[in-house]
Amino acid sequence: MVRLRNSSTGQVADVAVKPLNVRQLISGAILDASARSKFGLEGSVSGTAVYDSIGAVYTVTDLQPPTGDYKSLKVKPENLILPAGTRVNASGLNSRPELNGKPGKIVSSEGSERYVVEMAGSFEQLKLKFGNVVALHGYNPYAGQFG
């Protein structure tokens, strides 16, 4: 079930939605210096991001400040800084492969290009590189979990 709220009337409705059809929209995702340089952008640029598991990239829209040249950008996970509170899965961990695909929540980000992620269930906090987490992006029936 997904709870929807009409922002103008305040009405709330619960809607049955297949988990496969749910994507996390991430407001306030910030492009890192490498991504800004690649696209020739100056200063801080943020937007709304959605993770594409097939292409393994985020599509970033609603860029602020507006760039003029770009309506959307495709950005690798290691080049996008996700805000605290974003629900993520660990990905590409070599030192602790048992955590790959496991869900967690970003608590904070550090200047060392790492997130502090609280893993679901265990409440263990890990420092993971930006490229080692991806936003939850639908249900993977083969893994039996969101991924």
N, C-alpha and C. Protein backbone atom coordinates (compact mmCIF):
# COMPACT_ATOMS: atom_id res chain seq x y z
N MET A 1 0.84 -1.18 0.00
CA MET A 1 0.00 0.00 0.00
C MET A 1 0.89 1.24 0.00
N VAL A 2 0.44 2.22 -0.75
CA VAL A 2 1.12 3.50 -0.80
C VAL A 2 0.12 4.56 -0.36
N ARG A 3 0.54 5.42 0.53
CA ARG A 3 -0.33 6.51 0.99
C ARG A 3 -0.01 7.75 0.18
N LEU A 4 -1.04 8.30 -0.47
CA LEU A 4 -0.90 9.51 -1.28
C LEU A 4 -1.64 10.65 -0.60
N ARG A 5 -1.06 11.83 -0.66
CA ARG A 5 -1.69 13.01 -0.08
C ARG A 5 -1.80 14.08 -1.15
N ASN A 6 -3.01 14.61 -1.33
CA ASN A 6 -3.24 15.71 -2.25
C ASN A 6 -2.78 16.98 -1.56
N SER A 7 -1.75 17.63 -2.11
CA SER A 7 -1.17 18.79 -1.44
C SER A 7 -2.11 19.99 -1.39
N SER A 8 -3.04 20.09 -2.33
CA SER A 8 -3.93 21.25 -2.31
C SER A 8 -5.15 21.05 -1.42
N THR A 9 -5.68 19.82 -1.34
CA THR A 9 -6.88 19.59 -0.53
C THR A 9 -6.57 18.93 0.81
N GLY A 10 -5.40 18.31 0.92
CA GLY A 10 -5.04 17.62 2.15
C GLY A 10 -5.63 16.23 2.26
N GLN A 11 -6.41 15.81 1.26
CA GLN A 11 -7.01 14.47 1.29
C GLN A 11 -5.93 13.40 1.20
N VAL A 12 -6.16 12.30 1.92
CA VAL A 12 -5.23 11.18 1.94
C VAL A 12 -5.94 9.95 1.42
N ALA A 13 -5.24 9.18 0.57
CA ALA A 13 -5.81 7.93 0.05
C ALA A 13 -4.74 6.86 0.06
N ASP A 14 -5.13 5.64 0.43
CA ASP A 14 -4.24 4.49 0.35
C ASP A 14 -4.52 3.77 -0.95
N VAL A 15 -3.47 3.49 -1.71
CA VAL A 15 -3.60 2.87 -3.03
C VAL A 15 -2.75 1.61 -3.06
N ALA A 16 -3.33 0.51 -3.55
CA ALA A 16 -2.58 -0.73 -3.71
C ALA A 16 -1.71 -0.62 -4.96
N VAL A 17 -0.40 -0.80 -4.78
CA VAL A 17 0.54 -0.68 -5.88
C VAL A 17 1.49 -1.87 -5.82
N LYS A 18 1.77 -2.45 -6.99
CA LYS A 18 2.75 -3.53 -7.03
C LYS A 18 4.12 -2.96 -6.67
N PRO A 19 4.87 -3.63 -5.80
CA PRO A 19 6.19 -3.11 -5.42
C PRO A 19 7.11 -2.86 -6.61
N LEU A 20 6.95 -3.63 -7.68
CA LEU A 20 7.78 -3.44 -8.87
C LEU A 20 7.57 -2.06 -9.48
N ASN A 21 6.39 -1.46 -9.23
CA ASN A 21 6.06 -0.17 -9.83
C ASN A 21 6.39 1.01 -8.93
N VAL A 22 7.10 0.78 -7.85
CA VAL A 22 7.44 1.86 -6.92
C VAL A 22 8.90 2.25 -7.10
N ARG A 23 9.13 3.54 -7.20
CA ARG A 23 10.50 4.06 -7.26
C ARG A 23 10.63 5.17 -6.24
N GLN A 24 11.80 5.29 -5.68
CA GLN A 24 12.07 6.33 -4.70
C GLN A 24 12.54 7.60 -5.41
N LEU A 25 11.80 8.69 -5.25
CA LEU A 25 12.23 9.99 -5.76
C LEU A 25 13.05 10.66 -4.67
N ILE A 26 14.25 11.06 -5.01
CA ILE A 26 15.17 11.60 -4.01
C ILE A 26 15.35 13.10 -4.27
N SER A 27 14.76 13.91 -3.41
CA SER A 27 14.91 15.36 -3.53
C SER A 27 16.20 15.80 -2.86
N GLY A 28 16.85 16.79 -3.44
CA GLY A 28 18.03 17.35 -2.82
C GLY A 28 19.31 16.58 -3.05
N ALA A 29 19.34 15.71 -4.07
CA ALA A 29 20.59 15.02 -4.42
C ALA A 29 21.54 16.04 -5.05
N ILE A 30 22.81 15.99 -4.67
CA ILE A 30 23.79 17.00 -5.10
C ILE A 30 24.84 16.35 -6.00
N LEU A 31 25.11 16.98 -7.15
CA LEU A 31 26.17 16.49 -8.03
C LEU A 31 27.52 16.81 -7.42
N ASP A 32 28.44 15.84 -7.45
CA ASP A 32 29.78 16.11 -6.93
C ASP A 32 30.59 16.88 -7.96
N ALA A 33 31.80 17.29 -7.59
CA ALA A 33 32.64 18.12 -8.46
C ALA A 33 32.95 17.43 -9.78
N SER A 34 33.16 16.12 -9.77
CA SER A 34 33.47 15.38 -10.99
C SER A 34 32.30 15.43 -11.97
N ALA A 35 31.08 15.24 -11.47
CA ALA A 35 29.90 15.28 -12.34
C ALA A 35 29.69 16.69 -12.88
N ARG A 36 29.85 17.71 -12.03
CA ARG A 36 29.68 19.10 -12.49
C ARG A 36 30.69 19.41 -13.59
N SER A 37 31.93 18.97 -13.40
CA SER A 37 32.97 19.21 -14.39
C SER A 37 32.63 18.52 -15.71
N LYS A 38 32.16 17.28 -15.64
CA LYS A 38 31.82 16.52 -16.85
C LYS A 38 30.78 17.24 -17.69
N PHE A 39 29.80 17.86 -17.02
CA PHE A 39 28.72 18.53 -17.74
C PHE A 39 28.98 20.04 -17.89
N GLY A 40 30.14 20.52 -17.46
CA GLY A 40 30.48 21.93 -17.59
C GLY A 40 29.64 22.84 -16.72
N LEU A 41 29.27 22.37 -15.54
CA LEU A 41 28.43 23.15 -14.63
C LEU A 41 29.28 23.77 -13.53
N GLU A 42 28.88 24.95 -13.08
CA GLU A 42 29.60 25.68 -12.03
C GLU A 42 28.80 25.67 -10.74
N GLY A 43 29.48 25.71 -9.61
CA GLY A 43 28.81 25.83 -8.32
C GLY A 43 28.02 24.60 -7.93
N SER A 44 27.23 24.75 -6.87
CA SER A 44 26.43 23.64 -6.36
C SER A 44 25.22 23.40 -7.25
N VAL A 45 25.02 22.17 -7.67
CA VAL A 45 23.87 21.80 -8.50
C VAL A 45 23.18 20.62 -7.84
N SER A 46 21.89 20.76 -7.61
CA SER A 46 21.12 19.67 -7.01
C SER A 46 19.89 19.41 -7.86
N GLY A 47 19.18 18.33 -7.54
CA GLY A 47 17.98 17.99 -8.28
C GLY A 47 17.27 16.82 -7.65
N THR A 48 16.30 16.30 -8.39
CA THR A 48 15.54 15.13 -7.98
C THR A 48 16.10 13.93 -8.74
N ALA A 49 16.43 12.86 -8.02
CA ALA A 49 17.08 11.71 -8.64
C ALA A 49 16.23 10.46 -8.49
N VAL A 50 16.31 9.59 -9.51
CA VAL A 50 15.70 8.26 -9.49
C VAL A 50 16.75 7.29 -9.99
N TYR A 51 16.92 6.17 -9.29
CA TYR A 51 17.93 5.18 -9.68
C TYR A 51 17.37 4.24 -10.75
N ASP A 52 18.16 4.01 -11.80
CA ASP A 52 17.83 3.08 -12.87
C ASP A 52 18.74 1.86 -12.71
N SER A 53 18.17 0.75 -12.23
CA SER A 53 18.99 -0.43 -11.96
C SER A 53 19.53 -1.09 -13.22
N ILE A 54 18.87 -0.91 -14.35
CA ILE A 54 19.34 -1.52 -15.60
C ILE A 54 20.59 -0.78 -16.10
N GLY A 55 20.54 0.54 -16.10
CA GLY A 55 21.69 1.33 -16.54
C GLY A 55 22.69 1.60 -15.44
N ALA A 56 22.33 1.28 -14.20
CA ALA A 56 23.17 1.51 -13.01
C ALA A 56 23.57 2.98 -12.88
N VAL A 57 22.62 3.87 -13.19
CA VAL A 57 22.84 5.31 -13.06
C VAL A 57 21.60 5.96 -12.47
N TYR A 58 21.79 7.17 -11.94
CA TYR A 58 20.66 7.99 -11.51
C TYR A 58 20.29 8.93 -12.64
N THR A 59 19.00 9.15 -12.84
CA THR A 59 18.53 10.21 -13.71
C THR A 59 18.17 11.37 -12.79
N VAL A 60 18.83 12.50 -13.00
CA VAL A 60 18.62 13.68 -12.15
C VAL A 60 17.87 14.72 -12.96
N THR A 61 16.72 15.17 -12.44
CA THR A 61 15.89 16.18 -13.09
C THR A 61 15.67 17.35 -12.14
N ASP A 62 14.89 18.33 -12.59
CA ASP A 62 14.57 19.51 -11.77
C ASP A 62 15.83 20.14 -11.20
N LEU A 63 16.82 20.34 -12.07
CA LEU A 63 18.11 20.86 -11.63
C LEU A 63 18.00 22.27 -11.06
N GLN A 64 18.66 22.49 -9.93
CA GLN A 64 18.68 23.80 -9.27
C GLN A 64 20.12 24.20 -9.01
N PRO A 65 20.58 25.35 -9.43
CA PRO A 65 19.82 26.27 -10.25
C PRO A 65 19.64 25.70 -11.65
N PRO A 66 18.60 26.14 -12.38
CA PRO A 66 18.38 25.63 -13.74
C PRO A 66 19.63 25.84 -14.59
N THR A 67 19.99 24.82 -15.36
CA THR A 67 21.23 24.89 -16.13
C THR A 67 21.03 25.41 -17.54
N GLY A 68 19.80 25.39 -18.04
CA GLY A 68 19.55 25.87 -19.39
C GLY A 68 19.85 24.82 -20.44
N ASP A 69 21.06 24.25 -20.41
CA ASP A 69 21.45 23.28 -21.42
C ASP A 69 20.90 21.88 -21.15
N TYR A 70 20.63 21.56 -19.90
CA TYR A 70 20.24 20.20 -19.54
C TYR A 70 18.89 20.18 -18.84
N LYS A 71 18.00 19.30 -19.30
CA LYS A 71 16.73 19.06 -18.60
C LYS A 71 16.91 17.92 -17.61
N SER A 72 17.79 16.97 -17.95
CA SER A 72 18.10 15.86 -17.05
C SER A 72 19.53 15.40 -17.31
N LEU A 73 20.09 14.72 -16.32
CA LEU A 73 21.45 14.20 -16.42
C LEU A 73 21.46 12.74 -15.98
N LYS A 74 22.33 11.94 -16.57
CA LYS A 74 22.58 10.57 -16.13
C LYS A 74 23.88 10.61 -15.34
N VAL A 75 23.81 10.19 -14.06
CA VAL A 75 24.96 10.32 -13.16
C VAL A 75 25.23 8.99 -12.47
N LYS A 76 26.50 8.59 -12.42
CA LYS A 76 26.89 7.36 -11.72
C LYS A 76 26.70 7.54 -10.22
N PRO A 77 26.43 6.44 -9.50
CA PRO A 77 26.24 6.53 -8.04
C PRO A 77 27.39 7.22 -7.30
N GLU A 78 28.62 7.00 -7.75
CA GLU A 78 29.76 7.60 -7.04
C GLU A 78 29.86 9.11 -7.27
N ASN A 79 29.06 9.66 -8.20
CA ASN A 79 29.11 11.09 -8.50
C ASN A 79 27.88 11.86 -8.04
N LEU A 80 27.07 11.24 -7.18
CA LEU A 80 25.87 11.89 -6.68
C LEU A 80 25.83 11.75 -5.16
N ILE A 81 25.63 12.85 -4.46
CA ILE A 81 25.58 12.83 -3.00
C ILE A 81 24.12 12.80 -2.59
N LEU A 82 23.70 11.69 -1.99
CA LEU A 82 22.31 11.51 -1.58
C LEU A 82 22.10 12.11 -0.20
N PRO A 83 20.92 12.66 0.06
CA PRO A 83 20.66 13.28 1.37
C PRO A 83 20.44 12.25 2.47
N ALA A 84 20.65 12.69 3.71
CA ALA A 84 20.35 11.85 4.88
C ALA A 84 18.89 11.44 4.83
N GLY A 85 18.63 10.20 5.25
CA GLY A 85 17.27 9.67 5.24
C GLY A 85 16.94 8.84 4.02
N THR A 86 17.79 8.89 2.98
CA THR A 86 17.55 8.11 1.78
C THR A 86 17.68 6.63 2.09
N ARG A 87 16.71 5.83 1.65
CA ARG A 87 16.76 4.38 1.82
C ARG A 87 17.62 3.81 0.70
N VAL A 88 18.58 2.97 1.08
CA VAL A 88 19.55 2.46 0.12
C VAL A 88 19.79 0.96 0.31
N ASN A 89 20.44 0.36 -0.67
CA ASN A 89 20.97 -0.99 -0.57
C ASN A 89 22.48 -0.91 -0.72
N ALA A 90 23.19 -1.73 0.04
CA ALA A 90 24.64 -1.85 -0.13
C ALA A 90 24.89 -2.56 -1.45
N SER A 91 25.96 -2.18 -2.15
CA SER A 91 26.24 -2.74 -3.47
C SER A 91 27.74 -2.73 -3.74
N GLY A 92 28.25 -3.81 -4.31
CA GLY A 92 29.65 -3.86 -4.72
C GLY A 92 30.66 -3.91 -3.59
N LEU A 93 30.25 -4.41 -2.42
CA LEU A 93 31.19 -4.50 -1.29
C LEU A 93 32.03 -5.76 -1.43
N ASN A 94 33.34 -5.60 -1.51
CA ASN A 94 34.24 -6.76 -1.60
C ASN A 94 34.63 -7.27 -0.22
N SER A 95 34.80 -6.36 0.74
CA SER A 95 35.26 -6.76 2.07
C SER A 95 34.17 -7.44 2.88
N ARG A 96 32.90 -7.11 2.61
CA ARG A 96 31.77 -7.74 3.32
C ARG A 96 30.67 -8.07 2.32
N PRO A 97 30.92 -9.03 1.42
CA PRO A 97 29.96 -9.33 0.36
C PRO A 97 28.59 -9.78 0.87
N GLU A 98 28.52 -10.27 2.10
CA GLU A 98 27.23 -10.72 2.66
C GLU A 98 26.27 -9.54 2.84
N LEU A 99 26.79 -8.32 2.81
CA LEU A 99 25.93 -7.14 2.96
C LEU A 99 25.38 -6.62 1.64
N ASN A 100 25.93 -7.09 0.50
CA ASN A 100 25.44 -6.63 -0.80
C ASN A 100 23.96 -6.96 -0.94
N GLY A 101 23.18 -5.95 -1.33
CA GLY A 101 21.74 -6.10 -1.49
C GLY A 101 20.95 -5.86 -0.21
N LYS A 102 21.64 -5.70 0.91
CA LYS A 102 20.96 -5.47 2.19
C LYS A 102 20.54 -4.00 2.30
N PRO A 103 19.34 -3.75 2.85
CA PRO A 103 18.86 -2.37 2.95
C PRO A 103 19.41 -1.63 4.15
N GLY A 104 19.41 -0.32 4.03
CA GLY A 104 19.82 0.56 5.11
C GLY A 104 19.31 1.96 4.85
N LYS A 105 19.73 2.90 5.69
CA LYS A 105 19.32 4.29 5.57
C LYS A 105 20.54 5.18 5.78
N ILE A 106 20.71 6.17 4.90
CA ILE A 106 21.82 7.11 5.05
C ILE A 106 21.56 7.98 6.27
N VAL A 107 22.53 7.99 7.18
CA VAL A 107 22.46 8.83 8.38
C VAL A 107 23.11 10.17 8.09
N SER A 108 24.27 10.14 7.41
CA SER A 108 24.99 11.37 7.08
C SER A 108 26.01 11.05 5.99
N SER A 109 26.63 12.10 5.45
CA SER A 109 27.73 11.90 4.51
C SER A 109 28.94 12.64 5.05
N GLU A 110 30.10 12.11 4.72
CA GLU A 110 31.35 12.69 5.19
C GLU A 110 32.10 13.29 4.01
N GLY A 111 33.02 14.18 4.29
CA GLY A 111 33.83 14.78 3.24
C GLY A 111 34.72 13.78 2.53
N SER A 112 34.87 12.59 3.10
CA SER A 112 35.75 11.57 2.51
C SER A 112 35.01 10.74 1.46
N GLU A 113 33.92 11.28 0.90
CA GLU A 113 33.12 10.58 -0.11
C GLU A 113 32.58 9.26 0.42
N ARG A 114 32.12 9.29 1.66
CA ARG A 114 31.51 8.12 2.29
C ARG A 114 30.23 8.54 3.00
N TYR A 115 29.30 7.60 3.03
CA TYR A 115 28.07 7.77 3.80
C TYR A 115 28.21 7.00 5.11
N VAL A 116 27.56 7.48 6.14
CA VAL A 116 27.32 6.67 7.32
C VAL A 116 25.94 6.07 7.08
N VAL A 117 25.87 4.74 6.98
CA VAL A 117 24.62 4.04 6.67
C VAL A 117 24.25 3.14 7.84
N GLU A 118 23.02 3.28 8.32
CA GLU A 118 22.50 2.39 9.36
C GLU A 118 21.80 1.23 8.67
N MET A 119 22.33 0.03 8.86
CA MET A 119 21.78 -1.15 8.21
C MET A 119 20.48 -1.56 8.89
N ALA A 120 19.48 -1.91 8.09
CA ALA A 120 18.17 -2.30 8.62
C ALA A 120 18.30 -3.58 9.43
N GLY A 121 17.54 -3.66 10.50
CA GLY A 121 17.52 -4.86 11.33
C GLY A 121 18.60 -4.90 12.39
N SER A 122 19.84 -4.62 12.00
CA SER A 122 20.94 -4.73 12.96
C SER A 122 21.28 -3.39 13.62
N PHE A 123 20.88 -2.30 13.00
CA PHE A 123 21.21 -0.95 13.46
C PHE A 123 22.72 -0.69 13.46
N GLU A 124 23.48 -1.58 12.80
CA GLU A 124 24.92 -1.38 12.66
C GLU A 124 25.14 -0.19 11.73
N GLN A 125 26.06 0.70 12.09
CA GLN A 125 26.39 1.83 11.24
C GLN A 125 27.71 1.57 10.55
N LEU A 126 27.68 1.69 9.21
CA LEU A 126 28.86 1.44 8.40
C LEU A 126 29.22 2.70 7.63
N LYS A 127 30.51 2.87 7.35
CA LYS A 127 30.96 3.95 6.46
C LYS A 127 31.17 3.32 5.09
N LEU A 128 30.32 3.71 4.14
CA LEU A 128 30.36 3.13 2.80
C LEU A 128 30.63 4.22 1.77
N LYS A 129 31.47 3.90 0.78
CA LYS A 129 31.76 4.83 -0.31
C LYS A 129 30.48 5.18 -1.05
N PHE A 130 30.44 6.39 -1.63
CA PHE A 130 29.27 6.82 -2.39
C PHE A 130 28.88 5.78 -3.44
N GLY A 131 29.86 5.18 -4.10
CA GLY A 131 29.59 4.20 -5.15
C GLY A 131 29.13 2.85 -4.65
N ASN A 132 29.13 2.64 -3.31
CA ASN A 132 28.74 1.34 -2.76
C ASN A 132 27.34 1.32 -2.16
N VAL A 133 26.54 2.32 -2.48
CA VAL A 133 25.12 2.28 -2.12
C VAL A 133 24.30 2.75 -3.31
N VAL A 134 23.12 2.19 -3.45
CA VAL A 134 22.17 2.64 -4.46
C VAL A 134 20.80 2.79 -3.79
N ALA A 135 20.05 3.77 -4.24
CA ALA A 135 18.73 4.01 -3.67
C ALA A 135 17.81 2.83 -3.95
N LEU A 136 16.93 2.54 -3.00
CA LEU A 136 15.93 1.49 -3.23
C LEU A 136 15.15 1.85 -4.48
N HIS A 137 14.87 0.86 -5.31
CA HIS A 137 14.30 1.16 -6.62
C HIS A 137 13.35 0.09 -7.13
N GLY A 138 12.52 -0.46 -6.30
CA GLY A 138 11.56 -1.46 -6.75
C GLY A 138 11.82 -2.80 -6.09
N TYR A 139 11.00 -3.75 -6.38
CA TYR A 139 11.08 -5.05 -5.73
C TYR A 139 11.73 -6.05 -6.66
N ASN A 140 12.72 -6.78 -6.15
CA ASN A 140 13.40 -7.82 -6.92
C ASN A 140 12.82 -9.16 -6.47
N PRO A 141 11.93 -9.77 -7.29
CA PRO A 141 11.30 -11.02 -6.86
C PRO A 141 12.28 -12.16 -6.69
N TYR A 142 13.44 -12.08 -7.36
CA TYR A 142 14.42 -13.15 -7.26
C TYR A 142 15.18 -13.08 -5.94
N ALA A 143 15.40 -11.87 -5.45
CA ALA A 143 16.11 -11.71 -4.18
C ALA A 143 15.15 -11.71 -3.00
N GLY A 144 13.85 -11.53 -3.28
CA GLY A 144 12.87 -11.50 -2.21
C GLY A 144 12.96 -10.26 -1.36
N GLN A 145 13.47 -9.19 -1.93
CA GLN A 145 13.60 -7.95 -1.16
C GLN A 145 13.62 -6.77 -2.12
N PHE A 146 13.50 -5.58 -1.54
CA PHE A 146 13.60 -4.39 -2.37
C PHE A 146 15.03 -4.25 -2.82
N GLY A 147 15.21 -3.78 -4.03
CA GLY A 147 16.56 -3.66 -4.54
C GLY A 147 16.63 -2.73 -5.65
